């Protein structure tokens, strides 16, 4: 029996970003998280995931990591414990499209261990 990957199920671009954020749901987020090495999404994960989705859907941009931390009383270390590969990991799990070169550069600067899934 052939295995099915998320790339077969979803419309992901070459860098693993959703091409249509409307395809996203929490079950797919859980699958995507496992694919990226996060076995279980905690309440803290979901808080960040929903925050960045809401921000993107409302403003069309990535919220700053410091904004997310302040809004949810997290320090940078807590963020990195949740998403070991930084904002890009959270962005991909949140089912959002490629945020553009400037945002990807910002995310890369916040990422201690680059990830390309």
PDB file of N, CA and C in Angstrom:
ATOM      1  N   UNK A   1       0.849  -1.175   0.000  1.00  0.00           N
ATOM      2  CA  UNK A   1       0.000   0.000   0.000  1.00  0.00           C
ATOM      3  C   UNK A   1       0.898   1.242   0.000  1.00  0.00           C
ATOM      4  N   UNK A   2       0.617   2.172  -0.858  1.00  0.00           N
ATOM      5  CA  UNK A   2       1.408   3.400  -0.954  1.00  0.00           C
ATOM      6  C   UNK A   2       1.062   4.340   0.200  1.00  0.00           C
ATOM      7  N   UNK A   3       2.083   5.037   0.683  1.00  0.00           N
ATOM      8  CA  UNK A   3       1.823   6.023   1.727  1.00  0.00           C
ATOM      9  C   UNK A   3       1.483   7.349   1.086  1.00  0.00           C
ATOM     10  N   UNK A   4       0.664   8.098   1.769  1.00  0.00           N
ATOM     11  CA  UNK A   4       0.244   9.399   1.281  1.00  0.00           C
ATOM     12  C   UNK A   4       0.870  10.460   2.156  1.00  0.00           C
ATOM     13  N   UNK A   5       1.505  11.423   1.527  1.00  0.00           N
ATOM     14  CA  UNK A   5       2.100  12.520   2.282  1.00  0.00           C
ATOM     15  C   UNK A   5       1.180  13.728   2.213  1.00  0.00           C
ATOM     16  N   UNK A   6       1.477  14.704   3.057  1.00  0.00           N
ATOM     17  CA  UNK A   6       0.684  15.936   3.018  1.00  0.00           C
ATOM     18  C   UNK A   6       0.812  16.637   1.682  1.00  0.00           C
ATOM     19  N   UNK A   7       1.979  16.510   1.037  1.00  0.00           N
ATOM     20  CA  UNK A   7       2.147  17.142  -0.274  1.00  0.00           C
ATOM     21  C   UNK A   7       1.176  16.549  -1.293  1.00  0.00           C
ATOM     22  N   UNK A   8       0.803  15.256  -1.102  1.00  0.00           N
ATOM     23  CA  UNK A   8      -0.166  14.618  -2.000  1.00  0.00           C
ATOM     24  C   UNK A   8      -1.589  15.076  -1.702  1.00  0.00           C
ATOM     25  N   UNK A   9      -1.883  15.359  -0.427  1.00  0.00           N
ATOM     26  CA  UNK A   9      -3.233  15.722  -0.004  1.00  0.00           C
ATOM     27  C   UNK A   9      -3.501  17.208  -0.214  1.00  0.00           C
ATOM     28  N   UNK A  10      -2.525  18.035   0.133  1.00  0.00           N
ATOM     29  CA  UNK A  10      -2.714  19.478   0.129  1.00  0.00           C
ATOM     30  C   UNK A  10      -2.025  20.126  -1.050  1.00  0.00           C
ATOM     31  N   UNK A  11      -2.342  21.354  -1.232  1.00  0.00           N
ATOM     32  CA  UNK A  11      -1.664  22.151  -2.246  1.00  0.00           C
ATOM     33  C   UNK A  11      -0.573  22.945  -1.553  1.00  0.00           C
ATOM     34  N   UNK A  12       0.645  22.360  -1.506  1.00  0.00           N
ATOM     35  CA  UNK A  12       1.791  23.015  -0.889  1.00  0.00           C
ATOM     36  C   UNK A  12       2.758  23.433  -1.985  1.00  0.00           C
ATOM     37  N   UNK A  13       3.402  24.573  -1.775  1.00  0.00           N
ATOM     38  CA  UNK A  13       4.406  24.993  -2.744  1.00  0.00           C
ATOM     39  C   UNK A  13       5.709  24.235  -2.492  1.00  0.00           C
ATOM     40  N   UNK A  14       6.740  24.527  -3.257  1.00  0.00           N
ATOM     41  CA  UNK A  14       8.013  23.835  -3.146  1.00  0.00           C
ATOM     42  C   UNK A  14       8.700  23.993  -1.805  1.00  0.00           C
ATOM     43  N   UNK A  15       8.364  25.029  -1.057  1.00  0.00           N
ATOM     44  CA  UNK A  15       8.954  25.250   0.264  1.00  0.00           C
ATOM     45  C   UNK A  15       8.052  24.752   1.392  1.00  0.00           C
ATOM     46  N   UNK A  16       6.925  24.141   1.067  1.00  0.00           N
ATOM     47  CA  UNK A  16       6.050  23.571   2.085  1.00  0.00           C
ATOM     48  C   UNK A  16       5.000  24.509   2.648  1.00  0.00           C
ATOM     49  N   UNK A  17       4.799  25.655   2.011  1.00  0.00           N
ATOM     50  CA  UNK A  17       3.748  26.582   2.439  1.00  0.00           C
ATOM     51  C   UNK A  17       2.451  26.220   1.720  1.00  0.00           C
ATOM     52  N   UNK A  18       1.328  26.383   2.393  1.00  0.00           N
ATOM     53  CA  UNK A  18       0.033  26.168   1.754  1.00  0.00           C
ATOM     54  C   UNK A  18      -0.130  27.189   0.624  1.00  0.00           C
ATOM     55  N   UNK A  19      -0.729  26.773  -0.464  1.00  0.00           N
ATOM     56  CA  UNK A  19      -1.050  27.732  -1.519  1.00  0.00           C
ATOM     57  C   UNK A  19      -2.437  28.321  -1.308  1.00  0.00           C
ATOM     58  N   UNK A  20      -3.266  27.636  -0.518  1.00  0.00           N
ATOM     59  CA  UNK A  20      -4.607  28.131  -0.209  1.00  0.00           C
ATOM     60  C   UNK A  20      -4.877  27.951   1.284  1.00  0.00           C
ATOM     61  N   UNK A  21      -4.814  29.038   2.073  1.00  0.00           N
ATOM     62  CA  UNK A  21      -5.018  28.896   3.514  1.00  0.00           C
ATOM     63  C   UNK A  21      -6.422  28.421   3.889  1.00  0.00           C
ATOM     64  N   UNK A  22      -7.363  28.462   2.954  1.00  0.00           N
ATOM     65  CA  UNK A  22      -8.720  27.987   3.236  1.00  0.00           C
ATOM     66  C   UNK A  22      -8.801  26.465   3.315  1.00  0.00           C
ATOM     67  N   UNK A  23      -7.766  25.757   2.838  1.00  0.00           N
ATOM     68  CA  UNK A  23      -7.734  24.301   2.943  1.00  0.00           C
ATOM     69  C   UNK A  23      -7.404  23.842   4.361  1.00  0.00           C
ATOM     70  N   UNK A  24      -6.895  24.739   5.179  1.00  0.00           N
ATOM     71  CA  UNK A  24      -6.392  24.399   6.513  1.00  0.00           C
ATOM     72  C   UNK A  24      -7.519  24.047   7.472  1.00  0.00           C
ATOM     73  N   UNK A  25      -7.236  23.104   8.366  1.00  0.00           N
ATOM     74  CA  UNK A  25      -8.075  22.837   9.523  1.00  0.00           C
ATOM     75  C   UNK A  25      -7.158  22.282  10.621  1.00  0.00           C
ATOM     76  N   UNK A  26      -7.679  22.133  11.813  1.00  0.00           N
ATOM     77  CA  UNK A  26      -6.837  21.724  12.933  1.00  0.00           C
ATOM     78  C   UNK A  26      -6.289  20.305  12.775  1.00  0.00           C
ATOM     79  N   UNK A  27      -7.046  19.431  12.157  1.00  0.00           N
ATOM     80  CA  UNK A  27      -6.553  18.067  11.942  1.00  0.00           C
ATOM     81  C   UNK A  27      -5.343  18.085  11.006  1.00  0.00           C
ATOM     82  N   UNK A  28      -5.407  18.909   9.966  1.00  0.00           N
ATOM     83  CA  UNK A  28      -4.265  19.027   9.054  1.00  0.00           C
ATOM     84  C   UNK A  28      -3.075  19.673   9.751  1.00  0.00           C
ATOM     85  N   UNK A  29      -3.343  20.611  10.652  1.00  0.00           N
ATOM     86  CA  UNK A  29      -2.263  21.236  11.416  1.00  0.00           C
ATOM     87  C   UNK A  29      -1.552  20.185  12.262  1.00  0.00           C
ATOM     88  N   UNK A  30      -2.309  19.296  12.871  1.00  0.00           N
ATOM     89  CA  UNK A  30      -1.712  18.244  13.685  1.00  0.00           C
ATOM     90  C   UNK A  30      -0.855  17.309  12.830  1.00  0.00           C
ATOM     91  N   UNK A  31      -1.341  16.966  11.643  1.00  0.00           N
ATOM     92  CA  UNK A  31      -0.553  16.137  10.730  1.00  0.00           C
ATOM     93  C   UNK A  31       0.729  16.851  10.312  1.00  0.00           C
ATOM     94  N   UNK A  32       0.586  18.118   9.976  1.00  0.00           N
ATOM     95  CA  UNK A  32       1.745  18.919   9.545  1.00  0.00           C
ATOM     96  C   UNK A  32       2.757  19.033  10.678  1.00  0.00           C
ATOM     97  N   UNK A  33       2.281  19.231  11.898  1.00  0.00           N
ATOM     98  CA  UNK A  33       3.178  19.337  13.055  1.00  0.00           C
ATOM     99  C   UNK A  33       3.962  18.040  13.235  1.00  0.00           C
ATOM    100  N   UNK A  34       3.271  16.906  13.155  1.00  0.00           N
ATOM    101  CA  UNK A  34       3.967  15.620  13.292  1.00  0.00           C
ATOM    102  C   UNK A  34       5.007  15.445  12.201  1.00  0.00           C
ATOM    103  N   UNK A  35       4.660  15.865  10.993  1.00  0.00           N
ATOM    104  CA  UNK A  35       5.609  15.770   9.884  1.00  0.00           C
ATOM    105  C   UNK A  35       6.858  16.610  10.180  1.00  0.00           C
ATOM    106  N   UNK A  36       6.683  17.680  10.922  1.00  0.00           N
ATOM    107  CA  UNK A  36       7.795  18.576  11.221  1.00  0.00           C
ATOM    108  C   UNK A  36       8.460  18.237  12.556  1.00  0.00           C
ATOM    109  N   UNK A  37       8.051  17.146  13.191  1.00  0.00           N
ATOM    110  CA  UNK A  37       8.719  16.691  14.396  1.00  0.00           C
ATOM    111  C   UNK A  37       8.077  17.085  15.711  1.00  0.00           C
ATOM    112  N   UNK A  38       6.885  17.680  15.674  1.00  0.00           N
ATOM    113  CA  UNK A  38       6.159  18.019  16.901  1.00  0.00           C
ATOM    114  C   UNK A  38       5.080  16.962  17.070  1.00  0.00           C
ATOM    115  N   UNK A  39       5.237  16.121  18.072  1.00  0.00           N
ATOM    116  CA  UNK A  39       4.321  14.992  18.259  1.00  0.00           C
ATOM    117  C   UNK A  39       2.921  15.405  18.670  1.00  0.00           C
ATOM    118  N   UNK A  40       2.812  16.456  19.472  1.00  0.00           N
ATOM    119  CA  UNK A  40       1.515  16.866  19.989  1.00  0.00           C
ATOM    120  C   UNK A  40       1.473  18.388  20.108  1.00  0.00           C
ATOM    121  N   UNK A  41       0.376  18.981  19.681  1.00  0.00           N
ATOM    122  CA  UNK A  41       0.212  20.425  19.802  1.00  0.00           C
ATOM    123  C   UNK A  41      -0.504  20.741  21.112  1.00  0.00           C
ATOM    124  N   UNK A  42       0.168  21.510  21.955  1.00  0.00           N
ATOM    125  CA  UNK A  42      -0.386  21.899  23.249  1.00  0.00           C
ATOM    126  C   UNK A  42      -1.285  23.126  23.100  1.00  0.00           C
ATOM    127  N   UNK A  43      -1.912  23.508  24.197  1.00  0.00           N
ATOM    128  CA  UNK A  43      -2.715  24.727  24.212  1.00  0.00           C
ATOM    129  C   UNK A  43      -1.867  25.929  23.816  1.00  0.00           C
ATOM    130  N   UNK A  44      -0.628  25.979  24.275  1.00  0.00           N
ATOM    131  CA  UNK A  44       0.267  27.090  23.922  1.00  0.00           C
ATOM    132  C   UNK A  44       0.557  27.108  22.419  1.00  0.00           C
ATOM    133  N   UNK A  45       0.773  25.934  21.816  1.00  0.00           N
ATOM    134  CA  UNK A  45       0.962  25.867  20.358  1.00  0.00           C
ATOM    135  C   UNK A  45      -0.257  26.452  19.647  1.00  0.00           C
ATOM    136  N   UNK A  46      -1.449  25.959  20.063  1.00  0.00           N
ATOM    137  CA  UNK A  46      -2.682  26.401  19.404  1.00  0.00           C
ATOM    138  C   UNK A  46      -2.890  27.904  19.549  1.00  0.00           C
ATOM    139  N   UNK A  47      -2.543  28.445  20.696  1.00  0.00           N
ATOM    140  CA  UNK A  47      -2.683  29.881  20.909  1.00  0.00           C
ATOM    141  C   UNK A  47      -1.877  30.645  19.867  1.00  0.00           C
ATOM    142  N   UNK A  48      -0.643  30.233  19.650  1.00  0.00           N
ATOM    143  CA  UNK A  48       0.215  30.903  18.670  1.00  0.00           C
ATOM    144  C   UNK A  48      -0.283  30.653  17.257  1.00  0.00           C
ATOM    145  N   UNK A  49      -0.632  29.430  16.954  1.00  0.00           N
ATOM    146  CA  UNK A  49      -1.118  29.094  15.610  1.00  0.00           C
ATOM    147  C   UNK A  49      -2.345  29.920  15.266  1.00  0.00           C
ATOM    148  N   UNK A  50      -3.311  29.981  16.164  1.00  0.00           N
ATOM    149  CA  UNK A  50      -4.526  30.757  15.887  1.00  0.00           C
ATOM    150  C   UNK A  50      -4.215  32.258  15.813  1.00  0.00           C
ATOM    151  N   UNK A  51      -3.292  32.726  16.634  1.00  0.00           N
ATOM    152  CA  UNK A  51      -2.918  34.143  16.602  1.00  0.00           C
ATOM    153  C   UNK A  51      -2.324  34.517  15.241  1.00  0.00           C
ATOM    154  N   UNK A  52      -1.377  33.721  14.756  1.00  0.00           N
ATOM    155  CA  UNK A  52      -0.760  34.102  13.478  1.00  0.00           C
ATOM    156  C   UNK A  52      -1.727  33.926  12.319  1.00  0.00           C
ATOM    157  N   UNK A  53      -2.603  32.928  12.382  1.00  0.00           N
ATOM    158  CA  UNK A  53      -3.620  32.784  11.319  1.00  0.00           C
ATOM    159  C   UNK A  53      -4.547  33.989  11.302  1.00  0.00           C
ATOM    160  N   UNK A  54      -5.045  34.368  12.483  1.00  0.00           N
ATOM    161  CA  UNK A  54      -5.955  35.507  12.561  1.00  0.00           C
ATOM    162  C   UNK A  54      -5.268  36.775  12.055  1.00  0.00           C
ATOM    163  N   UNK A  55      -4.032  36.988  12.480  1.00  0.00           N
ATOM    164  CA  UNK A  55      -3.297  38.179  12.051  1.00  0.00           C
ATOM    165  C   UNK A  55      -3.108  38.176  10.532  1.00  0.00           C
ATOM    166  N   UNK A  56      -2.705  37.037   9.984  1.00  0.00           N
ATOM    167  CA  UNK A  56      -2.510  36.963   8.541  1.00  0.00           C
ATOM    168  C   UNK A  56      -3.831  37.199   7.795  1.00  0.00           C
ATOM    169  N   UNK A  57      -4.890  36.529   8.227  1.00  0.00           N
ATOM    170  CA  UNK A  57      -6.165  36.671   7.530  1.00  0.00           C
ATOM    171  C   UNK A  57      -6.728  38.084   7.640  1.00  0.00           C
ATOM    172  N   UNK A  58      -6.422  38.774   8.732  1.00  0.00           N
ATOM    173  CA  UNK A  58      -6.904  40.142   8.897  1.00  0.00           C
ATOM    174  C   UNK A  58      -6.008  41.164   8.200  1.00  0.00           C
ATOM    175  N   UNK A  59      -4.688  41.004   8.310  1.00  0.00           N
ATOM    176  CA  UNK A  59      -3.762  42.023   7.813  1.00  0.00           C
ATOM    177  C   UNK A  59      -2.908  41.587   6.627  1.00  0.00           C
ATOM    178  N   UNK A  60      -2.883  40.298   6.330  1.00  0.00           N
ATOM    179  CA  UNK A  60      -2.092  39.802   5.216  1.00  0.00           C
ATOM    180  C   UNK A  60      -0.594  39.800   5.474  1.00  0.00           C
ATOM    181  N   UNK A  61      -0.211  39.758   6.746  1.00  0.00           N
ATOM    182  CA  UNK A  61       1.220  39.795   7.059  1.00  0.00           C
ATOM    183  C   UNK A  61       1.526  38.955   8.290  1.00  0.00           C
ATOM    184  N   UNK A  62       2.814  38.755   8.504  1.00  0.00           N
ATOM    185  CA  UNK A  62       3.314  38.027   9.657  1.00  0.00           C
ATOM    186  C   UNK A  62       3.388  38.958  10.852  1.00  0.00           C
ATOM    187  N   UNK A  63       2.805  38.570  11.998  1.00  0.00           N
ATOM    188  CA  UNK A  63       2.992  39.396  13.198  1.00  0.00           C
ATOM    189  C   UNK A  63       4.423  39.204  13.699  1.00  0.00           C
ATOM    190  N   UNK A  64       4.960  40.192  14.353  1.00  0.00           N
ATOM    191  CA  UNK A  64       6.321  40.047  14.884  1.00  0.00           C
ATOM    192  C   UNK A  64       6.312  39.050  16.033  1.00  0.00           C
ATOM    193  N   UNK A  65       7.426  38.384  16.190  1.00  0.00           N
ATOM    194  CA  UNK A  65       7.556  37.426  17.268  1.00  0.00           C
ATOM    195  C   UNK A  65       7.393  38.120  18.614  1.00  0.00           C
ATOM    196  N   UNK A  66       7.927  39.327  18.741  1.00  0.00           N
ATOM    197  CA  UNK A  66       7.800  40.048  20.015  1.00  0.00           C
ATOM    198  C   UNK A  66       6.335  40.383  20.310  1.00  0.00           C
ATOM    199  N   UNK A  67       5.556  40.717  19.280  1.00  0.00           N
ATOM    200  CA  UNK A  67       4.127  40.998  19.458  1.00  0.00           C
ATOM    201  C   UNK A  67       3.398  39.760  19.984  1.00  0.00           C
ATOM    202  N   UNK A  68       3.686  38.618  19.386  1.00  0.00           N
ATOM    203  CA  UNK A  68       3.041  37.374  19.818  1.00  0.00           C
ATOM    204  C   UNK A  68       3.423  37.067  21.259  1.00  0.00           C
ATOM    205  N   UNK A  69       4.695  37.224  21.580  1.00  0.00           N
ATOM    206  CA  UNK A  69       5.157  36.938  22.947  1.00  0.00           C
ATOM    207  C   UNK A  69       4.472  37.852  23.959  1.00  0.00           C
ATOM    208  N   UNK A  70       4.392  39.148  23.655  1.00  0.00           N
ATOM    209  CA  UNK A  70       3.724  40.082  24.570  1.00  0.00           C
ATOM    210  C   UNK A  70       2.242  39.763  24.707  1.00  0.00           C
ATOM    211  N   UNK A  71       1.600  39.462  23.598  1.00  0.00           N
ATOM    212  CA  UNK A  71       0.156  39.203  23.617  1.00  0.00           C
ATOM    213  C   UNK A  71      -0.203  37.970  24.438  1.00  0.00           C
ATOM    214  N   UNK A  72       0.734  37.025  24.550  1.00  0.00           N
ATOM    215  CA  UNK A  72       0.423  35.766  25.223  1.00  0.00           C
ATOM    216  C   UNK A  72       1.350  35.474  26.404  1.00  0.00           C
ATOM    217  N   UNK A  73       2.013  36.516  26.889  1.00  0.00           N
ATOM    218  CA  UNK A  73       2.906  36.393  28.054  1.00  0.00           C
ATOM    219  C   UNK A  73       3.921  35.265  27.900  1.00  0.00           C
ATOM    220  N   UNK A  74       4.569  35.222  26.744  1.00  0.00           N
ATOM    221  CA  UNK A  74       5.617  34.243  26.480  1.00  0.00           C
ATOM    222  C   UNK A  74       6.948  34.956  26.362  1.00  0.00           C
ATOM    223  N   UNK A  75       8.012  34.298  26.771  1.00  0.00           N
ATOM    224  CA  UNK A  75       9.323  34.847  26.471  1.00  0.00           C
ATOM    225  C   UNK A  75       9.866  34.124  25.235  1.00  0.00           C
ATOM    226  N   UNK A  76      10.930  34.652  24.677  1.00  0.00           N
ATOM    227  CA  UNK A  76      11.488  34.092  23.449  1.00  0.00           C
ATOM    228  C   UNK A  76      11.843  32.614  23.617  1.00  0.00           C
ATOM    229  N   UNK A  77      12.363  32.257  24.782  1.00  0.00           N
ATOM    230  CA  UNK A  77      12.747  30.870  25.015  1.00  0.00           C
ATOM    231  C   UNK A  77      11.522  29.950  24.969  1.00  0.00           C
ATOM    232  N   UNK A  78      10.405  30.418  25.486  1.00  0.00           N
ATOM    233  CA  UNK A  78       9.176  29.619  25.453  1.00  0.00           C
ATOM    234  C   UNK A  78       8.742  29.385  24.009  1.00  0.00           C
ATOM    235  N   UNK A  79       8.813  30.444  23.201  1.00  0.00           N
ATOM    236  CA  UNK A  79       8.464  30.331  21.781  1.00  0.00           C
ATOM    237  C   UNK A  79       9.325  29.266  21.119  1.00  0.00           C
ATOM    238  N   UNK A  80      10.635  29.326  21.373  1.00  0.00           N
ATOM    239  CA  UNK A  80      11.557  28.407  20.725  1.00  0.00           C
ATOM    240  C   UNK A  80      11.393  26.979  21.259  1.00  0.00           C
ATOM    241  N   UNK A  81      10.928  26.816  22.481  1.00  0.00           N
ATOM    242  CA  UNK A  81      10.653  25.471  22.988  1.00  0.00           C
ATOM    243  C   UNK A  81       9.429  24.881  22.295  1.00  0.00           C
ATOM    244  N   UNK A  82       8.482  25.728  21.950  1.00  0.00           N
ATOM    245  CA  UNK A  82       7.283  25.264  21.260  1.00  0.00           C
ATOM    246  C   UNK A  82       7.555  24.958  19.794  1.00  0.00           C
ATOM    247  N   UNK A  83       8.242  25.861  19.131  1.00  0.00           N
ATOM    248  CA  UNK A  83       8.539  25.743  17.700  1.00  0.00           C
ATOM    249  C   UNK A  83      10.047  25.813  17.539  1.00  0.00           C
ATOM    250  N   UNK A  84      10.681  24.649  17.568  1.00  0.00           N
ATOM    251  CA  UNK A  84      12.141  24.566  17.568  1.00  0.00           C
ATOM    252  C   UNK A  84      12.783  25.224  16.361  1.00  0.00           C
ATOM    253  N   UNK A  85      12.048  25.322  15.276  1.00  0.00           N
ATOM    254  CA  UNK A  85      12.589  25.905  14.049  1.00  0.00           C
ATOM    255  C   UNK A  85      12.054  27.313  13.795  1.00  0.00           C
ATOM    256  N   UNK A  86      11.574  27.940  14.835  1.00  0.00           N
ATOM    257  CA  UNK A  86      11.184  29.335  14.755  1.00  0.00           C
ATOM    258  C   UNK A  86       9.850  29.600  14.083  1.00  0.00           C
ATOM    259  N   UNK A  87       9.653  30.851  13.716  1.00  0.00           N
ATOM    260  CA  UNK A  87       8.373  31.279  13.155  1.00  0.00           C
ATOM    261  C   UNK A  87       7.951  30.552  11.881  1.00  0.00           C
ATOM    262  N   UNK A  88       8.901  30.142  11.054  1.00  0.00           N
ATOM    263  CA  UNK A  88       8.521  29.474   9.809  1.00  0.00           C
ATOM    264  C   UNK A  88       7.800  28.159  10.095  1.00  0.00           C
ATOM    265  N   UNK A  89       8.200  27.467  11.149  1.00  0.00           N
ATOM    266  CA  UNK A  89       7.537  26.222  11.518  1.00  0.00           C
ATOM    267  C   UNK A  89       6.088  26.487  11.930  1.00  0.00           C
ATOM    268  N   UNK A  90       5.887  27.491  12.761  1.00  0.00           N
ATOM    269  CA  UNK A  90       4.526  27.858  13.187  1.00  0.00           C
ATOM    270  C   UNK A  90       3.694  28.300  11.987  1.00  0.00           C
ATOM    271  N   UNK A  91       4.280  29.088  11.099  1.00  0.00           N
ATOM    272  CA  UNK A  91       3.594  29.592   9.907  1.00  0.00           C
ATOM    273  C   UNK A  91       3.108  28.439   9.038  1.00  0.00           C
ATOM    274  N   UNK A  92       3.969  27.443   8.828  1.00  0.00           N
ATOM    275  CA  UNK A  92       3.602  26.301   7.996  1.00  0.00           C
ATOM    276  C   UNK A  92       2.524  25.453   8.666  1.00  0.00           C
ATOM    277  N   UNK A  93       2.634  25.236   9.962  1.00  0.00           N
ATOM    278  CA  UNK A  93       1.624  24.461  10.684  1.00  0.00           C
ATOM    279  C   UNK A  93       0.285  25.200  10.671  1.00  0.00           C
ATOM    280  N   UNK A  94       0.338  26.519  10.689  1.00  0.00           N
ATOM    281  CA  UNK A  94      -0.882  27.335  10.644  1.00  0.00           C
ATOM    282  C   UNK A  94      -1.524  27.356   9.261  1.00  0.00           C
ATOM    283  N   UNK A  95      -0.891  26.704   8.287  1.00  0.00           N
ATOM    284  CA  UNK A  95      -1.496  26.562   6.970  1.00  0.00           C
ATOM    285  C   UNK A  95      -1.499  27.818   6.127  1.00  0.00           C
ATOM    286  N   UNK A  96      -0.498  28.659   6.324  1.00  0.00           N
ATOM    287  CA  UNK A  96      -0.472  29.928   5.613  1.00  0.00           C
ATOM    288  C   UNK A  96       0.435  29.872   4.397  1.00  0.00           C
ATOM    289  N   UNK A  97       0.172  30.729   3.404  1.00  0.00           N
ATOM    290  CA  UNK A  97       0.970  30.714   2.179  1.00  0.00           C
ATOM    291  C   UNK A  97       2.328  31.376   2.379  1.00  0.00           C
ATOM    292  N   UNK A  98       3.156  31.238   1.382  1.00  0.00           N
ATOM    293  CA  UNK A  98       4.475  31.873   1.388  1.00  0.00           C
ATOM    294  C   UNK A  98       4.300  33.344   1.736  1.00  0.00           C
ATOM    295  N   UNK A  99       4.950  33.823   2.798  1.00  0.00           N
ATOM    296  CA  UNK A  99       4.729  35.194   3.243  1.00  0.00           C
ATOM    297  C   UNK A  99       5.531  36.239   2.479  1.00  0.00           C
ATOM    298  N   UNK A 100       6.358  35.812   1.544  1.00  0.00           N
ATOM    299  CA  UNK A 100       7.174  36.756   0.785  1.00  0.00           C
ATOM    300  C   UNK A 100       8.601  36.785   1.298  1.00  0.00           C
ATOM    301  N   UNK A 101       9.465  37.329   0.483  1.00  0.00           N
ATOM    302  CA  UNK A 101      10.896  37.300   0.782  1.00  0.00           C
ATOM    303  C   UNK A 101      11.264  38.066   2.051  1.00  0.00           C
ATOM    304  N   UNK A 102      10.666  39.228   2.258  1.00  0.00           N
ATOM    305  CA  UNK A 102      11.003  40.025   3.436  1.00  0.00           C
ATOM    306  C   UNK A 102      10.616  39.287   4.722  1.00  0.00           C
ATOM    307  N   UNK A 103       9.426  38.715   4.750  1.00  0.00           N
ATOM    308  CA  UNK A 103       8.977  37.979   5.933  1.00  0.00           C
ATOM    309  C   UNK A 103       9.808  36.721   6.126  1.00  0.00           C
ATOM    310  N   UNK A 104      10.162  36.028   5.040  1.00  0.00           N
ATOM    311  CA  UNK A 104      10.989  34.834   5.175  1.00  0.00           C
ATOM    312  C   UNK A 104      12.372  35.198   5.705  1.00  0.00           C
ATOM    313  N   UNK A 105      12.910  36.346   5.298  1.00  0.00           N
ATOM    314  CA  UNK A 105      14.197  36.799   5.831  1.00  0.00           C
ATOM    315  C   UNK A 105      14.082  37.065   7.326  1.00  0.00           C
ATOM    316  N   UNK A 106      12.996  37.694   7.748  1.00  0.00           N
ATOM    317  CA  UNK A 106      12.759  37.935   9.176  1.00  0.00           C
ATOM    318  C   UNK A 106      12.681  36.600   9.920  1.00  0.00           C
ATOM    319  N   UNK A 107      11.898  35.661   9.375  1.00  0.00           N
ATOM    320  CA  UNK A 107      11.749  34.372  10.031  1.00  0.00           C
ATOM    321  C   UNK A 107      13.082  33.644  10.102  1.00  0.00           C
ATOM    322  N   UNK A 108      13.903  33.736   9.063  1.00  0.00           N
ATOM    323  CA  UNK A 108      15.206  33.078   9.069  1.00  0.00           C
ATOM    324  C   UNK A 108      16.105  33.674  10.152  1.00  0.00           C
ATOM    325  N   UNK A 109      16.006  34.978  10.370  1.00  0.00           N
ATOM    326  CA  UNK A 109      16.816  35.622  11.408  1.00  0.00           C
ATOM    327  C   UNK A 109      16.375  35.205  12.801  1.00  0.00           C
ATOM    328  N   UNK A 110      15.121  34.785  12.947  1.00  0.00           N
ATOM    329  CA  UNK A 110      14.584  34.351  14.240  1.00  0.00           C
ATOM    330  C   UNK A 110      14.728  32.844  14.433  1.00  0.00           C
ATOM    331  N   UNK A 111      15.274  32.149  13.445  1.00  0.00           N
ATOM    332  CA  UNK A 111      15.316  30.696  13.423  1.00  0.00           C
ATOM    333  C   UNK A 111      16.729  30.183  13.712  1.00  0.00           C
ATOM    334  N   UNK A 112      16.940  29.550  14.861  1.00  0.00           N
ATOM    335  CA  UNK A 112      18.270  29.042  15.161  1.00  0.00           C
ATOM    336  C   UNK A 112      18.626  27.771  14.382  1.00  0.00           C
ATOM    337  N   UNK A 113      17.626  27.070  13.864  1.00  0.00           N
ATOM    338  CA  UNK A 113      17.847  25.819  13.129  1.00  0.00           C
ATOM    339  C   UNK A 113      16.959  25.829  11.890  1.00  0.00           C
ATOM    340  N   UNK A 114      17.435  26.328  10.755  1.00  0.00           N
ATOM    341  CA  UNK A 114      16.588  26.432   9.558  1.00  0.00           C
ATOM    342  C   UNK A 114      15.920  25.102   9.191  1.00  0.00           C
ATOM    343  N   UNK A 115      14.693  25.208   8.705  1.00  0.00           N
ATOM    344  CA  UNK A 115      13.887  24.053   8.378  1.00  0.00           C
ATOM    345  C   UNK A 115      13.273  24.259   7.012  1.00  0.00           C
ATOM    346  N   UNK A 116      13.391  23.273   6.156  1.00  0.00           N
ATOM    347  CA  UNK A 116      12.775  23.360   4.829  1.00  0.00           C
ATOM    348  C   UNK A 116      11.965  22.090   4.599  1.00  0.00           C
ATOM    349  N   UNK A 117      10.727  22.087   5.091  1.00  0.00           N
ATOM    350  CA  UNK A 117       9.809  20.946   4.860  1.00  0.00           C
ATOM    351  C   UNK A 117       8.778  21.363   3.871  1.00  0.00           C
TER     352      UNK A 117
END
